[in-house]
C-alpha cells in the first residue's frame, strides 16, 4: 500500500478512531479543527478525513462515506452545547463556534423544531474569554474539549441545551457528527481495513487512551470514561445512516442546503 494521509480532529472524541494510526505502515495523520478537514481532503492533502457530515452535502466535489467508523452519540454529547443567558425560546442572537459546521446546522434544526425560532448567528474566532466571544449575544454554542475545559459559568449562562440530547428528543434517533469521507474515485487500497482494525483495537484499550490523554485536554478521568465509554458511539450502522439522511432532509427544509445528495458508500469490504 502506498502512503496515505488521514485527516482527523485532535479532540478527545476522535482518539478511539485514530490513536495509533500513525504507527501503521503507510499511514500518516494530520489534524485540524473539523471545519478545515474538508479543504484538506479536497486539496488532495489527505486520502480520507473525519469530516462533519454536513460537508457531504456542501462539498464542491462529490464525496463517498467510508463506513468504517464515526463520531456520534445515542443522545447526550456533553461537548456540543448551547450556553444561554436567557431561556432558549427567547434567544435572538447566538455566537457560534466556527470549528464545526455540522453543529451550527444542528443548532438551527433543533431550535426550529423545539421553539420555532431562527436566531441570528454570529461566528466567532477563539478569544481570550468566552464573555468576549459572546459579547452582544444572548447565547454561545461551543463544541469539543473546550466545553469541558472552559465552559461558561453557570451564573452567567444559566440556560443550557445539549444538542445531541435535543436531536434525540426530536427524532428518536442517534446523531452522527463526523464520518470518514473520501473523494469519489479515490483508491484507498487497504486503508479502510486499517481504519476498521484500528477502531476495534482501540475499543479494547479505551481506558489506556483516557489515562494518556484526558487530563492534558482538561478532562477528569471519570468524566472522560462517561464520555468515551457510555455517551459516544463510534460505529456507523443502519440507524446512524438513517439519522444522517433525516438530518440532511431537515437541513434542506430549512434552506441550509439546496438539495440532498444521495448517500454513496465507499466499498470498504477489502
Protein backbone atom coordinates (compact mmCIF):
# COMPACT_ATOMS: atom_id res chain seq x y z
CA UNK A 1 0.00 0.00 0.00
CA UNK A 2 1.30 3.43 -0.90
CA UNK A 3 1.40 6.09 1.83
CA UNK A 4 -1.98 7.62 2.68
CA UNK A 5 -2.60 10.68 4.83
CA UNK A 6 -5.57 10.56 7.19
CA UNK A 7 -7.19 13.82 8.32
CA UNK A 8 -8.67 13.96 11.80
CA UNK A 9 -9.61 16.31 14.60
CA UNK A 10 -7.41 16.45 17.68
CA UNK A 11 -10.29 16.26 20.17
CA UNK A 12 -10.59 13.51 22.74
CA UNK A 13 -13.62 12.11 20.93
CA UNK A 14 -11.57 11.15 17.85
CA UNK A 15 -8.91 9.16 19.70
CA UNK A 16 -10.86 5.87 19.76
CA UNK A 17 -10.70 6.01 15.95
CA UNK A 18 -7.22 7.39 15.34
CA UNK A 19 -4.98 6.63 18.32
CA UNK A 20 -2.07 4.56 16.99
CA UNK A 21 -2.80 5.15 13.29
CA UNK A 22 0.50 6.96 12.85
CA UNK A 23 2.24 3.73 13.82
CA UNK A 24 0.67 1.85 10.90
CA UNK A 25 2.82 1.22 7.86
CA UNK A 26 1.88 3.51 5.01
CA UNK A 27 -0.29 5.86 7.11
CA UNK A 28 0.37 9.41 8.25
CA UNK A 29 -2.06 11.52 10.29
CA UNK A 30 -2.73 15.24 10.06
CA UNK A 31 -5.04 17.05 12.49
CA UNK A 32 -7.08 20.23 12.36
CA UNK A 33 -10.42 21.58 13.56
CA UNK A 34 -13.46 19.89 11.95
CA UNK A 35 -14.34 22.83 9.71
CA UNK A 36 -10.97 22.67 7.91
CA UNK A 37 -10.85 18.95 7.18
CA UNK A 38 -12.96 19.17 4.02
CA UNK A 39 -10.45 21.56 2.44
CA UNK A 40 -7.62 19.21 3.37
CA UNK A 41 -9.49 16.39 1.64
CA UNK A 42 -10.45 18.35 -1.49
CA UNK A 43 -6.95 19.75 -1.90
CA UNK A 44 -5.56 16.22 -2.01
CA UNK A 45 -3.64 16.61 1.24
CA UNK A 46 -5.47 13.60 2.70
CA UNK A 47 -6.90 10.43 1.15
CA UNK A 48 -9.61 10.21 3.79
CA UNK A 49 -10.76 12.59 6.51
CA UNK A 50 -13.08 12.52 9.52
CA UNK A 51 -15.36 15.24 8.18
CA UNK A 52 -18.50 16.79 9.69
CA UNK A 53 -21.49 15.15 8.00
CA UNK A 54 -22.84 18.42 6.57
CA UNK A 55 -19.69 18.53 4.41
CA UNK A 56 -21.04 15.64 2.36
CA UNK A 57 -23.81 17.93 1.16
CA UNK A 58 -21.89 21.18 0.80
CA UNK A 59 -18.66 19.91 -0.75
CA UNK A 60 -17.72 21.39 -4.13
CA UNK A 61 -16.71 17.89 -5.27
CA UNK A 62 -18.63 14.62 -4.80
CA UNK A 63 -17.62 12.52 -1.82
CA UNK A 64 -18.18 8.99 -0.59
CA UNK A 65 -18.63 7.90 3.01
CA UNK A 66 -16.21 5.22 4.14
CA UNK A 67 -18.32 3.16 6.58
CA UNK A 68 -15.59 2.06 8.99
CA UNK A 69 -16.18 4.46 11.87
CA UNK A 70 -17.91 7.61 13.03
CA UNK A 71 -18.22 10.03 15.91
CA UNK A 72 -21.79 10.08 17.16
CA UNK A 73 -23.97 9.90 20.22
CA UNK A 74 -27.04 7.97 21.23
CA UNK A 75 -28.36 11.09 22.97
CA UNK A 76 -26.37 13.39 25.27
CA UNK A 77 -22.99 14.52 23.95
CA UNK A 78 -21.53 16.70 26.76
CA UNK A 79 -19.44 18.56 24.17
CA UNK A 80 -21.94 20.14 21.77
CA UNK A 81 -23.79 22.60 23.95
CA UNK A 82 -25.55 25.93 23.92
CA UNK A 83 -24.96 28.18 26.95
CA UNK A 84 -27.52 30.97 27.23
CA UNK A 85 -28.17 34.00 29.37
CA UNK A 86 -31.88 33.81 28.52
CA UNK A 87 -34.39 30.95 28.21
CA UNK A 88 -33.79 29.30 24.85
CA UNK A 89 -37.20 30.17 23.33
CA UNK A 90 -36.38 33.87 23.93
CA UNK A 91 -32.91 33.87 22.37
CA UNK A 92 -32.48 36.21 19.39
CA UNK A 93 -28.70 36.11 18.83
CA UNK A 94 -26.22 33.25 19.27
CA UNK A 95 -22.44 33.38 18.89
CA UNK A 96 -21.38 30.08 17.34
CA UNK A 97 -18.12 28.16 17.45
CA UNK A 98 -16.76 28.06 13.89
CA UNK A 99 -14.99 24.74 14.46
CA UNK A 100 -17.90 22.58 13.22
CA UNK A 101 -20.41 23.46 10.52
CA UNK A 102 -22.48 20.36 11.37
CA UNK A 103 -23.06 21.60 14.91
CA UNK A 104 -24.11 25.02 13.62
CA UNK A 105 -26.62 23.39 11.27
CA UNK A 106 -27.86 21.09 14.04
CA UNK A 107 -28.36 24.11 16.28
CA UNK A 108 -30.66 25.70 13.72
CA UNK A 109 -32.62 22.49 13.17
CA UNK A 110 -33.08 21.92 16.90
CA UNK A 111 -34.18 25.48 17.70
CA UNK A 112 -36.66 25.47 14.82
CA UNK A 113 -38.10 22.10 15.84
CA UNK A 114 -38.30 22.82 19.57
CA UNK A 115 -39.19 26.51 19.65
CA UNK A 116 -40.00 27.55 16.05
CA UNK A 117 -37.22 30.16 16.27
CA UNK A 118 -34.45 31.25 13.87
CA UNK A 119 -31.98 33.36 15.91
CA UNK A 120 -29.29 35.45 14.28
CA UNK A 121 -25.95 33.60 14.30
CA UNK A 122 -22.52 35.19 14.55
CA UNK A 123 -19.40 33.10 14.02
CA UNK A 124 -16.62 33.87 16.48
CA UNK A 125 -12.94 33.08 16.49
CA UNK A 126 -11.39 31.93 19.75
CA UNK A 127 -10.86 34.90 22.03
CA UNK A 128 -9.24 35.26 25.44
CA UNK A 129 -12.54 34.80 27.30
CA UNK A 130 -15.92 33.35 26.44
CA UNK A 131 -17.54 36.52 27.71
CA UNK A 132 -15.79 38.37 24.87
CA UNK A 133 -16.72 35.63 22.40
CA UNK A 134 -20.37 36.02 23.33
CA UNK A 135 -20.25 39.80 23.56
CA UNK A 136 -23.56 41.18 22.33
CA UNK A 137 -25.14 37.72 22.01
CA UNK A 138 -27.78 36.04 24.17
CA UNK A 139 -26.08 32.65 23.96
CA UNK A 140 -22.99 30.82 22.75
CA UNK A 141 -22.57 27.45 21.00
CA UNK A 142 -19.39 25.57 21.92
CA UNK A 143 -18.05 22.22 20.75
CA UNK A 144 -15.18 19.92 21.64
CA UNK A 145 -12.89 19.69 24.63
CA UNK A 146 -13.27 23.40 25.40
CA UNK A 147 -16.84 22.70 26.60
CA UNK A 148 -15.37 20.71 29.48
CA UNK A 149 -12.14 22.63 29.97
CA UNK A 150 -13.52 26.18 29.83
CA UNK A 151 -17.31 26.16 29.90
CA UNK A 152 -19.07 29.41 30.83
CA UNK A 153 -20.00 29.88 34.46
CA UNK A 154 -23.49 28.75 35.33
CA UNK A 155 -24.39 32.02 36.99
CA UNK A 156 -23.60 33.90 33.77
CA UNK A 157 -25.21 31.38 31.39
CA UNK A 158 -27.87 29.54 33.45
CA UNK A 159 -29.74 28.02 30.49
CA UNK A 160 -28.09 25.12 28.64
CA UNK A 161 -29.02 22.76 25.83
CA UNK A 162 -27.14 19.66 24.73
CA UNK A 163 -27.76 19.37 21.00
CA UNK A 164 -27.36 15.60 20.87
CA UNK A 165 -30.00 15.14 23.55
CA UNK A 166 -32.29 17.66 21.85
CA UNK A 167 -31.95 15.87 18.49
CA UNK A 168 -32.79 12.53 20.10
CA UNK A 169 -35.92 14.02 21.69
CA UNK A 170 -36.98 15.41 18.32
CA UNK A 171 -36.21 12.44 16.10
CA UNK A 172 -35.83 9.37 18.33
CA UNK A 173 -32.55 8.75 16.52
CA UNK A 174 -28.86 8.94 17.40
CA UNK A 175 -26.82 11.74 15.90
CA UNK A 176 -23.69 11.42 13.80
CA UNK A 177 -21.30 14.37 13.90
CA UNK A 178 -18.49 13.10 11.70
CA UNK A 179 -17.69 10.16 9.43
CA UNK A 180 -14.76 9.08 7.32
CA UNK A 181 -15.08 10.59 3.84
CA UNK A 182 -13.05 10.39 0.65
CA UNK A 183 -13.27 11.95 -2.79
CA UNK A 184 -15.24 9.77 -5.16
CA UNK A 185 -12.96 7.78 -7.39
CA UNK A 186 -10.14 7.61 -4.85
CA UNK A 187 -8.49 4.20 -4.48
CA UNK A 188 -7.95 3.78 -0.75
CA UNK A 189 -6.36 0.34 -1.18
CA UNK A 190 -6.11 -1.29 2.26
CA UNK A 191 -6.79 1.89 4.21
CA UNK A 192 -10.45 1.09 5.10
CA UNK A 193 -9.32 -2.21 6.59
CA UNK A 194 -6.62 -0.41 8.58
CA UNK A 195 -9.13 2.14 9.89
CA UNK A 196 -11.62 -0.57 10.85
CA UNK A 197 -9.00 -2.63 12.63
CA UNK A 198 -7.63 0.39 14.48
CA UNK A 199 -11.14 1.22 15.72
CA UNK A 200 -11.51 -2.33 17.05
CA UNK A 201 -8.06 -2.35 18.68
CA UNK A 202 -8.77 0.97 20.39
CA UNK A 203 -12.14 -0.27 21.61
CA UNK A 204 -10.23 -2.69 23.81
CA UNK A 205 -7.76 -0.09 25.10
CA UNK A 206 -10.06 2.80 25.74
CA UNK A 207 -9.03 3.16 29.39
CA UNK A 208 -5.39 3.42 28.37
CA UNK A 209 -6.33 6.17 25.90
CA UNK A 210 -8.14 8.01 28.69
CA UNK A 211 -5.16 7.68 31.03
CA UNK A 212 -2.81 9.06 28.39
CA UNK A 213 -4.85 11.94 27.03
CA UNK A 214 -7.80 13.05 29.15
CA UNK A 215 -6.07 15.18 31.77
CA UNK A 216 -3.98 17.19 29.31
CA UNK A 217 -7.19 18.13 27.50
CA UNK A 218 -8.87 19.37 30.66
CA UNK A 219 -10.96 16.27 31.41
CA UNK A 220 -11.19 14.35 34.67
CA UNK A 221 -10.74 10.63 34.26
CA UNK A 222 -14.27 9.92 35.48
CA UNK A 223 -15.89 12.32 33.03
CA UNK A 224 -13.76 11.04 30.16
CA UNK A 225 -14.87 7.48 30.95
CA UNK A 226 -18.53 8.52 30.89
CA UNK A 227 -17.94 10.36 27.62
CA UNK A 228 -15.99 7.75 25.66
CA UNK A 229 -17.40 4.57 27.19
CA UNK A 230 -21.08 5.44 27.59
CA UNK A 231 -22.21 8.54 25.70
CA UNK A 232 -20.38 8.38 22.38
CA UNK A 233 -20.75 5.90 19.54
CA UNK A 234 -18.01 5.06 17.03
CA UNK A 235 -19.78 2.63 14.69
CA UNK A 236 -21.72 3.52 11.56
CA UNK A 237 -24.73 1.21 11.32
CA UNK A 238 -28.16 1.43 9.73
CA UNK A 239 -29.67 3.66 12.43
CA UNK A 240 -26.78 6.07 12.13
CA UNK A 241 -27.11 6.19 8.35
CA UNK A 242 -30.83 6.83 8.73
CA UNK A 243 -30.12 9.63 11.21
CA UNK A 244 -27.77 11.27 8.72
CA UNK A 245 -30.40 11.17 6.00
CA UNK A 246 -33.09 12.58 8.29
CA UNK A 247 -30.78 15.39 9.38
CA UNK A 248 -29.91 16.29 5.81
CA UNK A 249 -33.61 16.39 4.95
CA UNK A 250 -34.30 18.75 7.89
CA UNK A 251 -31.42 20.96 6.73
CA UNK A 252 -32.90 21.17 3.23
CA UNK A 253 -36.32 22.05 4.62
CA UNK A 254 -34.74 24.98 6.48
CA UNK A 255 -32.79 26.11 3.43
CA UNK A 256 -29.41 25.27 4.96
CA UNK A 257 -28.56 23.12 1.93
CA UNK A 258 -30.05 23.29 -1.57
CA UNK A 259 -30.52 19.62 -2.37
CA UNK A 260 -29.92 16.34 -0.60
CA UNK A 261 -27.24 14.35 -2.38
CA UNK A 262 -27.88 10.60 -2.30
CA UNK A 263 -25.61 8.78 0.11
CA UNK A 264 -22.79 6.90 -1.60
CA UNK A 265 -20.79 4.42 0.45
CA UNK A 266 -17.22 3.50 -0.43
CA UNK A 267 -16.84 -0.25 -0.80
CA UNK A 268 -14.84 -0.92 2.34
CA UNK A 269 -15.12 -4.72 2.29
CA UNK A 270 -11.49 -5.22 1.28
